[in-house]
Amino acid sequence: MNKIRYFLYAALIIVGLALWNVWVLEHSPKTTNDAAVAYKTSQSTSSTASNPAELRLQSKKILTQKAQEVPEDRVVKVNTDVLSVWIDQLGGNIVKVALPKYPKEIKSDQPFVLLDNTPSNFYIAKNGIIPSNSETPYLLQFQTTQKTFALNKNQKQLVVTLKANGKSGLLVTKQFIFEPNKYDVQVQVNIKNASNRVWSGNYFMQINRTAPEEKGGFFRMHLTPDVAFSSPSKPYKKVSLSKLSDNPIHQNITGGWLAMLQHYFLSVWIPDSKSDYHYYSRVNANGIYTAGMIGPTLSLEPNATVDIHSKFYAGPKISDRLKTLAPHLSLAVDYSSFAILSLLANFIFWILKHINNIVGNWGWSIIIVTILIKLAFYHLSATSYRSMAGMRKLQPRITALKERYGEDKQGFSRAMMELYKKEKINPLSGCLPILIQIPVFLALYWVLLSSVELRQAPFIFWIHDLSAKDPYYILPVLMGISMFVQQKLSPAPADPTQAKVMMFLPVMFTVFFLNFPSGLVLYWLVNNVLSVAQQYYIMRRYEHVKNVKKKK
């Protein structure tokens, strides 16, 4: 039993180390589809199904410019209640997105900047046209009626229109349509062939970004943002930026979506659901990662037009918002690559969210969920604590057996098992509850770490952000004390070396938890306090029952 407990605690240490690695890195810095409109063309326009190899070749022509800032005099600024967007007139691309509802830091007036065109954090969204007879896309100079736009409180929609006269008589109009309290922007592109010759080419959408700087350290792991996309055959596929060079995306997909994921936030292109696109990715020599899609070859007769509809979302990873935008987009709220842990995490968050809707505080919601989890595991925990009580009572007799058999380990093991059998104690019965609760702990960890709803969520007193560490380390210290008290109630290992290691565990876990989210430490602290209370009650009751039986 002692060896098994020792192994389980060692496993918990390994889990703690792994979680700490991720935490340190992360904190160093009715489905409807409004975009589901196929290409609308005039009678003299055709869209031909392109060979995948041809589309792949065309996608390689869409080069990525160097990471450099866009001059402010070239920018069209759009402000809504939830978005601040910069559109570069050269190309008509989205080069900056700030989120006013999400401050960069607590008590800061600066919004979190998701997309940016600065070289150190280059991250932009592009859409454009590449003609069939050219080696590069058109770099059009768009014009607009004004340089700043704002969505007023009573305004239901804001339309920002950009127009450009392209080469060979091509007229291109881009419309960005903003709505209140929405992070998705409808992007409508109209292409008109004003020349006297047939024009052919492809429409593309892509996201470009640099990878974050790698941060070293013994307990740090290098994790990059991810590229994710959806297809009819695989609703959710994710590739880490660090593996994109070895696992590039090249796939023909009808509809779907393509996203760049990072902690708490994402950006995503959602094309029309009825047209085929070739999804692609590459890692450029200039250190910029690209993920995009290119549509079928369009052929426009003179005076013919084509309308292309899509959506671009840049904002928080909130499942309720994402599931209304496109099928399977809510899967981007990805708690774990393991299906069971992901299901468990989603269920835990669902409970947390509904409790928070009632109590209005995520900290109290965590405490209530902890109590509910404890109640769910009450009988399993009771079995474990009864086993511990029996083991604790047998401790003097086990020590005597160890002294009697000395170096005869096999004889000691046989005698100890006979003693367990005689006293009707199963040493393994105390392990099962621990093993079962580990997935719950892991699922809750990812919920607290990954849910944007808990970002900068206050609790009480000095805890102003449940997703960040306790600034004064009060919760980790209290957690360590509660763990020490819990150990005192448990039977000590017969091996003196193991006993010393077990006594050191509370200190070790306290150190691990210093940088953990305060919400997670709160869960662990409350869980320990409830466990101590339950363990004390059951062990006292066990001893009382045993004493009554002896008197009889």
Protein backbone atom coordinates (compact mmCIF):
# COMPACT_ATOMS: atom_id res chain seq x y z
CA MET A 1 0.00 0.00 0.00
CA ASN A 2 2.80 2.42 0.92
CA LYS A 3 4.61 1.73 -2.35
CA ILE A 4 1.42 2.29 -4.30
CA ARG A 5 0.75 5.56 -2.50
CA TYR A 6 4.34 6.57 -3.12
CA PHE A 7 3.91 5.83 -6.83
CA LEU A 8 0.67 7.81 -7.01
CA TYR A 9 2.22 10.83 -5.35
CA ALA A 10 5.18 10.57 -7.74
CA ALA A 11 2.69 10.52 -10.62
CA LEU A 12 1.02 13.62 -9.21
CA ILE A 13 4.41 15.35 -9.06
CA ILE A 14 5.02 14.55 -12.73
CA VAL A 15 1.56 15.85 -13.62
CA GLY A 16 2.25 18.96 -11.56
CA LEU A 17 5.54 19.55 -13.36
CA ALA A 18 3.90 19.19 -16.76
CA LEU A 19 1.09 21.57 -15.84
CA TRP A 20 3.54 24.05 -14.37
CA ASN A 21 5.53 24.03 -17.62
CA VAL A 22 2.44 24.97 -19.61
CA TRP A 23 1.31 27.57 -17.07
CA VAL A 24 4.68 29.36 -16.98
CA LEU A 25 4.80 29.58 -20.76
CA GLU A 26 1.21 30.69 -21.17
CA HIS A 27 1.64 33.55 -18.68
CA SER A 28 5.05 34.81 -19.65
CA PRO A 29 3.43 37.16 -22.16
CA LYS A 30 -29.47 25.96 -34.56
CA THR A 31 -26.20 26.67 -36.34
CA THR A 32 -26.58 29.50 -38.81
CA ASN A 33 -24.03 30.68 -41.30
CA ASP A 34 -24.56 34.14 -42.70
CA ALA A 35 -21.48 33.61 -44.85
CA ALA A 36 -23.08 30.62 -46.54
CA VAL A 37 -23.60 32.35 -49.87
CA ALA A 38 -22.01 30.84 -52.96
CA TYR A 39 -20.32 32.98 -55.61
CA LYS A 40 -22.94 35.22 -57.16
CA THR A 41 -22.08 35.77 -60.79
CA SER A 42 -23.58 37.39 -63.83
CA GLN A 43 -24.48 35.22 -66.79
CA SER A 44 -21.21 36.02 -68.54
CA THR A 45 -19.16 34.82 -65.58
CA SER A 46 -18.11 31.26 -64.94
CA SER A 47 -16.41 29.47 -62.08
CA THR A 48 -14.56 26.35 -63.14
CA ALA A 49 -13.55 23.49 -60.88
CA SER A 50 -9.78 23.82 -60.80
CA ASN A 51 -7.35 20.97 -60.62
CA PRO A 52 -5.96 20.69 -57.04
CA ALA A 53 -2.43 20.83 -58.44
CA GLU A 54 -3.25 24.06 -60.29
CA LEU A 55 -4.70 25.66 -57.16
CA ARG A 56 -1.68 24.55 -55.18
CA LEU A 57 0.56 26.17 -57.78
CA GLN A 58 -1.51 29.37 -57.68
CA SER A 59 -1.32 29.48 -53.88
CA LYS A 60 2.48 29.45 -54.06
CA LYS A 61 2.32 32.71 -56.03
CA ILE A 62 0.70 34.46 -53.07
CA LEU A 63 3.86 35.68 -51.44
CA THR A 64 3.96 37.28 -48.01
CA GLN A 65 5.47 40.72 -47.65
CA LYS A 66 8.05 41.52 -45.02
CA ALA A 67 6.84 42.25 -41.51
CA GLN A 68 6.76 46.03 -41.48
CA GLU A 69 4.50 48.68 -40.03
CA VAL A 70 1.87 50.30 -42.20
CA PRO A 71 2.10 54.12 -42.33
CA GLU A 72 -0.82 55.59 -40.41
CA ASP A 73 -1.78 57.89 -43.28
CA ARG A 74 -2.53 54.76 -45.32
CA VAL A 75 -4.91 53.32 -42.73
CA VAL A 76 -8.71 53.37 -42.51
CA LYS A 77 -9.77 53.14 -38.86
CA VAL A 78 -13.06 51.53 -37.81
CA ASN A 79 -14.38 51.54 -34.24
CA THR A 80 -17.32 49.60 -32.82
CA ASP A 81 -18.28 48.77 -29.25
CA VAL A 82 -16.12 45.61 -29.32
CA LEU A 83 -13.62 46.14 -32.15
CA SER A 84 -10.99 48.63 -33.25
CA VAL A 85 -9.90 47.70 -36.76
CA TRP A 86 -7.23 49.13 -39.06
CA ILE A 87 -7.57 48.49 -42.80
CA ASP A 88 -4.59 49.17 -45.06
CA GLN A 89 -5.68 50.99 -48.22
CA LEU A 90 -2.82 49.32 -50.10
CA GLY A 91 -4.36 45.90 -50.60
CA GLY A 92 -7.46 46.49 -48.46
CA ASN A 93 -6.20 44.11 -45.76
CA ILE A 94 -6.93 44.04 -42.03
CA VAL A 95 -3.62 44.93 -40.38
CA LYS A 96 -4.68 45.59 -36.80
CA VAL A 97 -7.47 44.47 -34.47
CA ALA A 98 -7.77 45.65 -30.87
CA LEU A 99 -10.42 44.44 -28.41
CA PRO A 100 -11.69 47.27 -26.16
CA LYS A 101 -13.69 44.86 -23.97
CA TYR A 102 -10.49 42.98 -23.11
CA PRO A 103 -7.86 45.22 -21.48
CA LYS A 104 -4.23 44.35 -22.03
CA GLU A 105 -3.77 44.26 -18.26
CA ILE A 106 -5.97 44.71 -15.21
CA LYS A 107 -6.86 48.35 -14.59
CA SER A 108 -5.34 49.32 -17.93
CA ASP A 109 -6.91 51.63 -20.50
CA GLN A 110 -4.99 49.87 -23.27
CA PRO A 111 -7.03 47.23 -25.13
CA PHE A 112 -5.61 43.84 -25.95
CA VAL A 113 -4.19 43.91 -29.48
CA LEU A 114 -4.87 40.66 -31.32
CA LEU A 115 -3.76 41.48 -34.88
CA ASP A 116 -0.91 43.91 -35.40
CA ASN A 117 1.41 45.02 -38.17
CA THR A 118 4.47 45.71 -36.03
CA PRO A 119 7.52 43.59 -36.97
CA SER A 120 7.80 42.14 -33.45
CA ASN A 121 4.18 40.92 -33.45
CA PHE A 122 3.27 40.71 -37.12
CA TYR A 123 -0.22 39.23 -37.50
CA ILE A 124 -2.55 40.32 -40.33
CA ALA A 125 -5.50 39.05 -42.39
CA LYS A 126 -5.43 39.35 -46.17
CA ASN A 127 -7.86 38.77 -49.01
CA GLY A 128 -7.30 39.54 -52.64
CA ILE A 129 -7.10 38.47 -56.27
CA ILE A 130 -4.41 36.72 -58.25
CA PRO A 131 -4.84 36.73 -62.06
CA SER A 132 -4.15 33.54 -63.95
CA ASN A 133 -1.53 35.15 -66.18
CA SER A 134 0.47 36.76 -63.36
CA GLU A 135 3.10 35.52 -60.96
CA THR A 136 1.88 37.73 -58.10
CA PRO A 137 -1.49 38.93 -56.74
CA TYR A 138 -2.81 42.37 -57.52
CA LEU A 139 -1.63 44.94 -54.97
CA LEU A 140 -4.49 47.38 -55.39
CA GLN A 141 -4.61 50.90 -54.02
CA PHE A 142 -8.11 51.28 -52.54
CA GLN A 143 -9.90 54.57 -52.02
CA THR A 144 -12.63 55.41 -49.53
CA THR A 145 -14.76 58.42 -48.68
CA GLN A 146 -13.22 58.92 -45.23
CA LYS A 147 -10.39 57.66 -43.03
CA THR A 148 -12.31 57.03 -39.80
CA PHE A 149 -15.59 55.23 -39.19
CA ALA A 150 -17.53 54.62 -35.98
CA LEU A 151 -20.55 52.46 -35.25
CA ASN A 152 -22.94 54.58 -33.21
CA LYS A 153 -25.02 53.19 -30.33
CA ASN A 154 -28.30 53.18 -32.22
CA GLN A 155 -26.76 52.05 -35.49
CA LYS A 156 -27.55 48.47 -36.53
CA GLN A 157 -24.88 48.22 -39.20
CA LEU A 158 -21.79 50.03 -40.40
CA VAL A 159 -20.63 49.50 -44.00
CA VAL A 160 -17.08 50.52 -44.91
CA THR A 161 -16.60 50.56 -48.69
CA LEU A 162 -13.23 50.56 -50.46
CA LYS A 163 -12.87 50.79 -54.25
CA ALA A 164 -9.92 50.23 -56.55
CA ASN A 165 -9.22 50.34 -60.29
CA GLY A 166 -7.04 47.35 -61.01
CA LYS A 167 -4.88 46.45 -63.94
CA SER A 168 -6.43 45.39 -67.23
CA GLY A 169 -9.64 47.29 -66.51
CA LEU A 170 -10.62 45.34 -63.39
CA LEU A 171 -12.80 47.20 -60.87
CA VAL A 172 -12.70 45.81 -57.33
CA THR A 173 -14.96 46.83 -54.44
CA LYS A 174 -14.47 45.60 -50.88
CA GLN A 175 -17.15 46.08 -48.26
CA PHE A 176 -16.52 45.44 -44.56
CA ILE A 177 -19.81 45.22 -42.66
CA PHE A 178 -19.73 45.69 -38.87
CA GLU A 179 -22.57 45.11 -36.39
CA PRO A 180 -22.91 45.95 -32.68
CA ASN A 181 -21.51 43.47 -30.14
CA LYS A 182 -20.06 41.28 -32.90
CA TYR A 183 -16.47 40.27 -33.44
CA ASP A 184 -17.19 38.91 -36.92
CA VAL A 185 -16.98 41.18 -39.94
CA GLN A 186 -18.82 40.41 -43.14
CA VAL A 187 -16.42 40.83 -46.06
CA GLN A 188 -18.02 41.24 -49.48
CA VAL A 189 -15.90 41.56 -52.61
CA ASN A 190 -17.26 42.62 -55.99
CA ILE A 191 -15.10 42.13 -59.08
CA LYS A 192 -16.10 43.70 -62.39
CA ASN A 193 -14.33 43.20 -65.68
CA ALA A 194 -14.54 46.65 -67.31
CA SER A 195 -12.18 45.69 -70.11
CA ASN A 196 -12.96 44.31 -73.56
CA ARG A 197 -11.10 41.03 -72.90
CA VAL A 198 -11.89 37.94 -70.86
CA TRP A 199 -10.29 38.02 -67.41
CA SER A 200 -9.54 34.96 -65.30
CA GLY A 201 -8.08 34.59 -61.84
CA ASN A 202 -8.58 33.36 -58.30
CA TYR A 203 -9.79 34.89 -55.06
CA PHE A 204 -7.84 34.09 -51.89
CA MET A 205 -8.00 34.67 -48.14
CA GLN A 206 -5.15 34.10 -45.74
CA ILE A 207 -3.71 34.87 -42.31
CA ASN A 208 -0.05 35.73 -41.80
CA ARG A 209 1.77 35.92 -38.51
CA THR A 210 5.16 35.57 -36.90
CA ALA A 211 5.69 33.04 -34.12
CA PRO A 212 6.18 34.28 -30.56
CA GLU A 213 9.71 34.37 -29.23
CA GLU A 214 10.91 31.12 -27.72
CA LYS A 215 11.49 31.37 -24.00
CA GLY A 216 14.01 29.11 -22.33
CA GLY A 217 14.24 27.69 -18.87
CA PHE A 218 14.37 24.26 -17.25
CA PHE A 219 10.63 24.14 -16.60
CA ARG A 220 9.54 25.88 -19.80
CA MET A 221 8.34 24.27 -22.98
CA HIS A 222 8.14 26.04 -26.33
CA LEU A 223 4.56 26.09 -27.47
CA THR A 224 3.43 28.08 -30.50
CA PRO A 225 -0.03 29.13 -31.59
CA ASP A 226 -1.90 26.67 -33.78
CA VAL A 227 -3.47 26.60 -37.21
CA ALA A 228 -6.87 24.91 -37.27
CA PHE A 229 -9.29 24.16 -40.07
CA SER A 230 -12.53 22.31 -40.67
CA SER A 231 -13.62 20.04 -43.48
CA PRO A 232 -16.58 17.70 -44.05
CA SER A 233 -14.34 14.68 -43.44
CA LYS A 234 -12.67 16.11 -40.31
CA PRO A 235 -14.65 18.78 -38.43
CA TYR A 236 -11.61 19.96 -36.46
CA LYS A 237 -7.95 19.59 -37.36
CA LYS A 238 -5.17 21.41 -35.53
CA VAL A 239 -1.49 21.80 -36.46
CA SER A 240 1.03 23.59 -34.26
CA LEU A 241 3.00 26.36 -35.95
CA SER A 242 6.17 24.61 -34.87
CA LYS A 243 5.13 21.57 -36.93
CA LEU A 244 3.65 23.42 -39.90
CA SER A 245 6.84 23.16 -41.93
CA ASP A 246 6.85 19.35 -41.66
CA ASN A 247 3.07 19.01 -41.90
CA PRO A 248 1.85 21.60 -44.41
CA ILE A 249 -1.83 21.91 -45.23
CA HIS A 250 -2.85 21.16 -48.82
CA GLN A 251 -6.45 20.07 -49.10
CA ASN A 252 -9.48 20.84 -51.24
CA ILE A 253 -12.47 21.62 -49.02
CA THR A 254 -16.04 22.69 -49.67
CA GLY A 255 -16.79 25.53 -47.28
CA GLY A 256 -15.18 24.93 -43.91
CA TRP A 257 -13.12 27.54 -42.07
CA LEU A 258 -9.47 28.34 -41.35
CA ALA A 259 -8.17 29.81 -38.09
CA MET A 260 -5.11 30.90 -36.17
CA LEU A 261 -5.48 29.96 -32.50
CA GLN A 262 -3.74 31.33 -29.45
CA HIS A 263 -4.39 31.55 -25.72
CA TYR A 264 -7.92 32.92 -25.18
CA PHE A 265 -8.32 34.37 -28.72
CA LEU A 266 -8.46 33.42 -32.39
CA SER A 267 -8.81 34.81 -35.89
CA VAL A 268 -10.68 32.89 -38.56
CA TRP A 269 -11.72 33.18 -42.20
CA ILE A 270 -15.13 31.66 -42.93
CA PRO A 271 -15.77 31.31 -46.68
CA ASP A 272 -19.11 30.67 -48.33
CA SER A 273 -20.27 27.16 -47.62
CA LYS A 274 -21.05 26.11 -51.19
CA SER A 275 -17.80 26.83 -52.99
CA ASP A 276 -14.65 24.74 -53.13
CA TYR A 277 -11.42 26.14 -51.77
CA HIS A 278 -7.91 24.83 -51.72
CA TYR A 279 -6.59 25.20 -48.17
CA TYR A 280 -2.83 25.71 -47.91
CA SER A 281 -0.10 26.64 -45.49
CA ARG A 282 3.60 27.40 -45.59
CA VAL A 283 6.46 28.77 -43.56
CA ASN A 284 8.14 31.63 -45.37
CA ALA A 285 11.87 32.29 -45.38
CA ASN A 286 11.25 35.59 -43.57
CA GLY A 287 9.85 33.76 -40.53
CA ILE A 288 6.19 34.41 -41.29
CA TYR A 289 3.69 31.58 -41.01
CA THR A 290 0.90 31.58 -43.58
CA ALA A 291 -2.41 29.73 -43.64
CA GLY A 292 -4.94 30.47 -46.33
CA MET A 293 -7.40 29.31 -48.95
CA ILE A 294 -7.72 29.95 -52.67
CA GLY A 295 -10.96 29.65 -54.63
CA PRO A 296 -11.72 28.12 -58.02
CA THR A 297 -10.64 29.89 -61.18
CA LEU A 298 -13.07 32.63 -62.17
CA SER A 299 -13.58 33.62 -65.81
CA LEU A 300 -15.21 37.00 -66.45
CA GLU A 301 -16.39 38.11 -69.86
CA PRO A 302 -16.27 41.86 -70.59
CA ASN A 303 -18.63 43.80 -68.26
CA ALA A 304 -19.26 40.66 -66.18
CA THR A 305 -19.23 40.80 -62.37
CA VAL A 306 -18.83 38.38 -59.51
CA ASP A 307 -19.70 38.79 -55.81
CA ILE A 308 -17.77 36.83 -53.18
CA HIS A 309 -19.02 36.63 -49.60
CA SER A 310 -17.08 35.60 -46.52
CA LYS A 311 -16.62 36.44 -42.86
CA PHE A 312 -13.61 37.28 -40.76
CA TYR A 313 -13.71 36.81 -36.98
CA ALA A 314 -11.12 38.22 -34.60
CA GLY A 315 -11.94 37.94 -30.94
CA PRO A 316 -12.31 35.76 -27.85
CA LYS A 317 -12.75 31.99 -27.90
CA ILE A 318 -16.32 31.97 -26.58
CA SER A 319 -18.13 28.80 -27.56
CA ASP A 320 -21.61 30.36 -27.63
CA ARG A 321 -20.43 32.97 -30.15
CA LEU A 322 -18.41 30.62 -32.34
CA LYS A 323 -21.09 27.97 -32.77
CA THR A 324 -23.41 30.53 -34.42
CA LEU A 325 -20.79 31.49 -37.03
CA ALA A 326 -19.91 28.18 -38.66
CA PRO A 327 -20.35 24.45 -38.07
CA HIS A 328 -17.76 23.00 -35.68
CA LEU A 329 -16.08 26.36 -35.03
CA SER A 330 -16.88 26.01 -31.32
CA LEU A 331 -14.37 23.11 -31.29
CA ALA A 332 -11.68 25.80 -31.37
CA VAL A 333 -12.36 26.11 -27.63
CA ASP A 334 -10.06 23.13 -27.29
CA TYR A 335 -9.42 22.09 -23.69
CA SER A 336 -7.56 18.89 -24.49
CA SER A 337 -6.50 16.61 -27.33
CA PHE A 338 -7.85 13.67 -25.33
CA ALA A 339 -11.54 13.19 -26.10
CA ILE A 340 -12.50 12.10 -22.56
CA LEU A 341 -10.71 15.03 -20.92
CA SER A 342 -12.22 17.43 -23.47
CA LEU A 343 -15.76 16.16 -22.80
CA LEU A 344 -15.17 16.32 -19.06
CA ALA A 345 -13.74 19.84 -19.29
CA ASN A 346 -16.67 21.06 -21.37
CA PHE A 347 -19.10 19.58 -18.85
CA ILE A 348 -17.26 21.21 -15.94
CA PHE A 349 -17.25 24.57 -17.72
CA TRP A 350 -20.96 24.21 -18.51
CA ILE A 351 -21.64 23.79 -14.79
CA LEU A 352 -19.28 26.65 -13.89
CA LYS A 353 -20.95 28.97 -16.38
CA HIS A 354 -24.47 28.28 -15.14
CA ILE A 355 -23.45 28.69 -11.50
CA ASN A 356 -21.71 31.95 -12.38
CA ASN A 357 -24.91 33.18 -14.05
CA ILE A 358 -26.55 32.80 -10.63
CA VAL A 359 -23.85 33.94 -8.18
CA GLY A 360 -22.09 36.42 -10.48
CA ASN A 361 -18.56 35.55 -9.32
CA TRP A 362 -16.25 32.99 -10.89
CA GLY A 363 -14.38 32.43 -7.61
CA TRP A 364 -17.51 31.42 -5.73
CA SER A 365 -18.51 29.36 -8.76
CA ILE A 366 -15.24 27.42 -8.46
CA ILE A 367 -15.90 26.80 -4.77
CA ILE A 368 -19.43 25.55 -5.46
CA VAL A 369 -18.20 23.28 -8.28
CA THR A 370 -15.52 21.92 -5.93
CA ILE A 371 -18.21 21.08 -3.37
CA LEU A 372 -20.31 19.39 -6.07
CA ILE A 373 -17.31 17.35 -7.24
CA LYS A 374 -16.59 16.39 -3.64
CA LEU A 375 -20.18 15.26 -3.17
CA ALA A 376 -20.00 13.24 -6.40
CA PHE A 377 -16.92 11.42 -5.12
CA TYR A 378 -18.07 11.25 -1.49
CA HIS A 379 -18.59 7.48 -1.32
CA LEU A 380 -15.39 6.70 -3.22
CA SER A 381 -13.45 9.02 -0.91
CA ALA A 382 -15.14 7.47 2.11
CA THR A 383 -13.88 4.05 1.01
CA SER A 384 -10.38 5.44 0.71
CA TYR A 385 -10.50 7.13 4.12
CA ARG A 386 -11.85 4.00 5.82
CA SER A 387 -8.96 2.09 4.30
CA MET A 388 -6.57 4.74 5.60
CA ALA A 389 -8.13 4.53 9.05
CA GLY A 390 -7.63 0.76 9.08
CA MET A 391 -4.07 1.14 7.82
CA ARG A 392 -3.33 3.74 10.47
CA LYS A 393 -4.61 1.45 13.21
CA LEU A 394 -2.44 -1.39 11.91
CA GLN A 395 0.66 0.78 11.69
CA PRO A 396 2.20 -0.36 15.02
CA ARG A 397 1.66 -4.02 14.09
CA ILE A 398 3.17 -3.48 10.64
CA THR A 399 6.21 -1.82 12.25
CA ALA A 400 6.55 -4.82 14.57
CA LEU A 401 6.41 -7.19 11.60
CA LYS A 402 9.11 -5.19 9.83
CA GLU A 403 11.39 -5.47 12.87
CA ARG A 404 10.69 -9.19 13.18
CA TYR A 405 11.51 -10.07 9.57
CA GLY A 406 14.39 -7.63 9.15
CA GLU A 407 15.95 -8.07 5.69
CA ASP A 408 13.52 -10.85 4.73
CA LYS A 409 11.36 -8.70 2.45
CA GLN A 410 9.37 -11.61 1.01
CA GLY A 411 8.52 -12.91 4.47
CA PHE A 412 7.52 -9.40 5.56
CA SER A 413 5.26 -8.98 2.50
CA ARG A 414 3.53 -12.34 3.13
CA ALA A 415 2.98 -11.55 6.80
CA MET A 416 1.65 -8.07 5.97
CA MET A 417 -0.81 -9.44 3.40
CA GLU A 418 -2.02 -12.05 5.90
CA LEU A 419 -2.56 -9.25 8.41
CA TYR A 420 -4.58 -7.26 5.86
CA LYS A 421 -6.65 -10.34 5.08
CA LYS A 422 -7.29 -11.07 8.74
CA GLU A 423 -8.37 -7.49 9.45
CA LYS A 424 -10.41 -7.35 6.18
CA ILE A 425 -8.50 -4.38 4.82
CA ASN A 426 -7.87 -3.92 1.10
CA PRO A 427 -4.85 -1.62 0.66
CA LEU A 428 -5.77 -0.99 -2.99
CA SER A 429 -9.19 0.40 -2.07
CA GLY A 430 -7.60 3.70 -1.16
CA CYS A 431 -5.96 4.10 -4.58
CA LEU A 432 -9.01 3.96 -6.85
CA PRO A 433 -10.54 7.29 -5.71
CA ILE A 434 -7.21 9.04 -6.29
CA LEU A 435 -6.89 7.60 -9.80
CA ILE A 436 -10.48 8.51 -10.70
CA GLN A 437 -10.12 12.09 -9.48
CA ILE A 438 -6.93 12.81 -11.47
CA PRO A 439 -8.84 13.27 -14.80
CA VAL A 440 -11.25 15.65 -13.04
CA PHE A 441 -8.34 17.68 -11.74
CA LEU A 442 -6.72 17.79 -15.20
CA ALA A 443 -10.00 18.78 -16.87
CA LEU A 444 -10.61 21.55 -14.35
CA TYR A 445 -7.03 22.72 -14.79
CA TRP A 446 -7.53 23.22 -18.53
CA VAL A 447 -10.88 24.92 -17.97
CA LEU A 448 -9.34 27.43 -15.57
CA LEU A 449 -6.28 27.92 -17.76
CA SER A 450 -7.98 28.17 -21.16
CA SER A 451 -11.39 29.80 -20.61
CA VAL A 452 -11.34 33.43 -21.69
CA GLU A 453 -14.33 34.03 -19.41
CA LEU A 454 -11.97 33.67 -16.43
CA ARG A 455 -9.35 36.01 -17.89
CA GLN A 456 -8.98 38.92 -15.44
CA ALA A 457 -12.02 37.63 -13.49
CA PRO A 458 -11.83 38.90 -9.88
CA PHE A 459 -12.69 36.92 -6.76
CA ILE A 460 -12.44 38.72 -3.41
CA PHE A 461 -9.92 40.86 -1.56
CA TRP A 462 -6.46 40.58 -3.17
CA ILE A 463 -7.45 38.12 -5.94
CA HIS A 464 -8.15 40.34 -8.95
CA ASP A 465 -7.49 37.75 -11.66
CA LEU A 466 -8.38 34.08 -11.21
CA SER A 467 -6.39 33.17 -14.32
CA ALA A 468 -3.18 34.65 -12.88
CA LYS A 469 -1.05 33.59 -9.94
CA ASP A 470 -1.78 34.83 -6.42
CA PRO A 471 0.35 38.01 -6.17
CA TYR A 472 1.01 37.46 -2.46
CA TYR A 473 1.18 33.62 -2.58
CA ILE A 474 -1.37 33.35 0.22
CA LEU A 475 -3.49 30.68 -1.47
CA PRO A 476 -0.51 28.41 -2.32
CA VAL A 477 0.76 28.61 1.28
CA LEU A 478 -2.69 27.81 2.67
CA MET A 479 -2.92 24.95 0.18
CA GLY A 480 0.43 23.60 1.41
CA ILE A 481 -0.73 23.80 5.02
CA SER A 482 -3.96 21.97 4.20
CA MET A 483 -1.96 19.27 2.41
CA PHE A 484 0.31 18.90 5.45
CA VAL A 485 -2.72 18.50 7.75
CA GLN A 486 -4.19 15.93 5.38
CA GLN A 487 -0.95 13.95 5.47
CA LYS A 488 -0.98 13.92 9.25
CA LEU A 489 -4.35 12.18 9.13
CA SER A 490 -3.00 9.51 6.77
CA PRO A 491 -0.97 6.48 7.89
CA ALA A 492 2.77 7.11 7.69
CA PRO A 493 4.87 4.83 5.46
CA ALA A 494 6.79 2.11 7.29
CA ASP A 495 9.93 3.01 5.35
CA PRO A 496 11.64 6.02 7.01
CA THR A 497 12.93 7.28 3.65
CA GLN A 498 9.44 7.23 2.17
CA ALA A 499 8.12 8.96 5.28
CA LYS A 500 10.61 11.82 4.81
CA VAL A 501 9.73 12.15 1.14
CA MET A 502 6.01 12.22 1.95
CA MET A 503 6.57 14.94 4.55
CA PHE A 504 8.40 17.00 1.94
CA LEU A 505 5.58 16.73 -0.62
CA PRO A 506 3.47 19.63 0.79
CA VAL A 507 6.49 21.92 0.46
CA MET A 508 7.14 20.71 -3.08
CA PHE A 509 3.53 21.17 -4.14
CA THR A 510 3.45 24.63 -2.58
CA VAL A 511 6.42 25.61 -4.76
CA PHE A 512 4.73 24.13 -7.84
CA PHE A 513 1.51 26.03 -7.15
CA LEU A 514 3.16 29.42 -6.64
CA ASN A 515 2.79 30.21 -10.35
CA PHE A 516 -0.44 28.32 -10.99
CA PRO A 517 -3.69 30.21 -11.69
CA SER A 518 -5.18 31.38 -8.42
CA GLY A 519 -8.49 29.83 -9.52
CA LEU A 520 -6.86 26.40 -9.70
CA VAL A 521 -5.12 26.87 -6.34
CA LEU A 522 -8.48 27.93 -4.90
CA TYR A 523 -10.01 24.67 -6.14
CA TRP A 524 -7.17 22.60 -4.68
CA LEU A 525 -7.32 24.45 -1.34
CA VAL A 526 -11.09 24.04 -0.97
CA ASN A 527 -10.84 20.41 -2.06
CA ASN A 528 -8.14 19.77 0.57
CA VAL A 529 -10.14 21.45 3.34
CA LEU A 530 -13.22 19.40 2.46
CA SER A 531 -11.08 16.25 2.26
CA VAL A 532 -9.57 16.91 5.69
CA ALA A 533 -13.04 17.42 7.18
CA GLN A 534 -14.40 14.26 5.54
CA GLN A 535 -11.33 12.22 6.41
CA TYR A 536 -11.38 13.33 10.05
CA TYR A 537 -15.09 12.55 10.35
CA ILE A 538 -14.85 9.11 8.72
CA MET A 539 -11.74 8.06 10.63
CA ARG A 540 -13.27 9.09 13.96
CA ARG A 541 -16.44 7.25 13.05
CA TYR A 542 -14.43 4.18 11.97
CA GLU A 543 -12.58 4.09 15.30
CA HIS A 544 -15.83 4.56 17.19
CA VAL A 545 -17.49 1.65 15.37
CA LYS A 546 -14.47 -0.57 15.99
CA ASN A 547 -14.46 0.29 19.69
CA VAL A 548 -18.19 -0.46 19.99
CA LYS A 549 -17.70 -3.85 18.33
CA LYS A 550 -14.86 -4.68 20.71
CA LYS A 551 -16.99 -3.88 23.75
CA LYS A 552 -19.70 -6.20 22.46
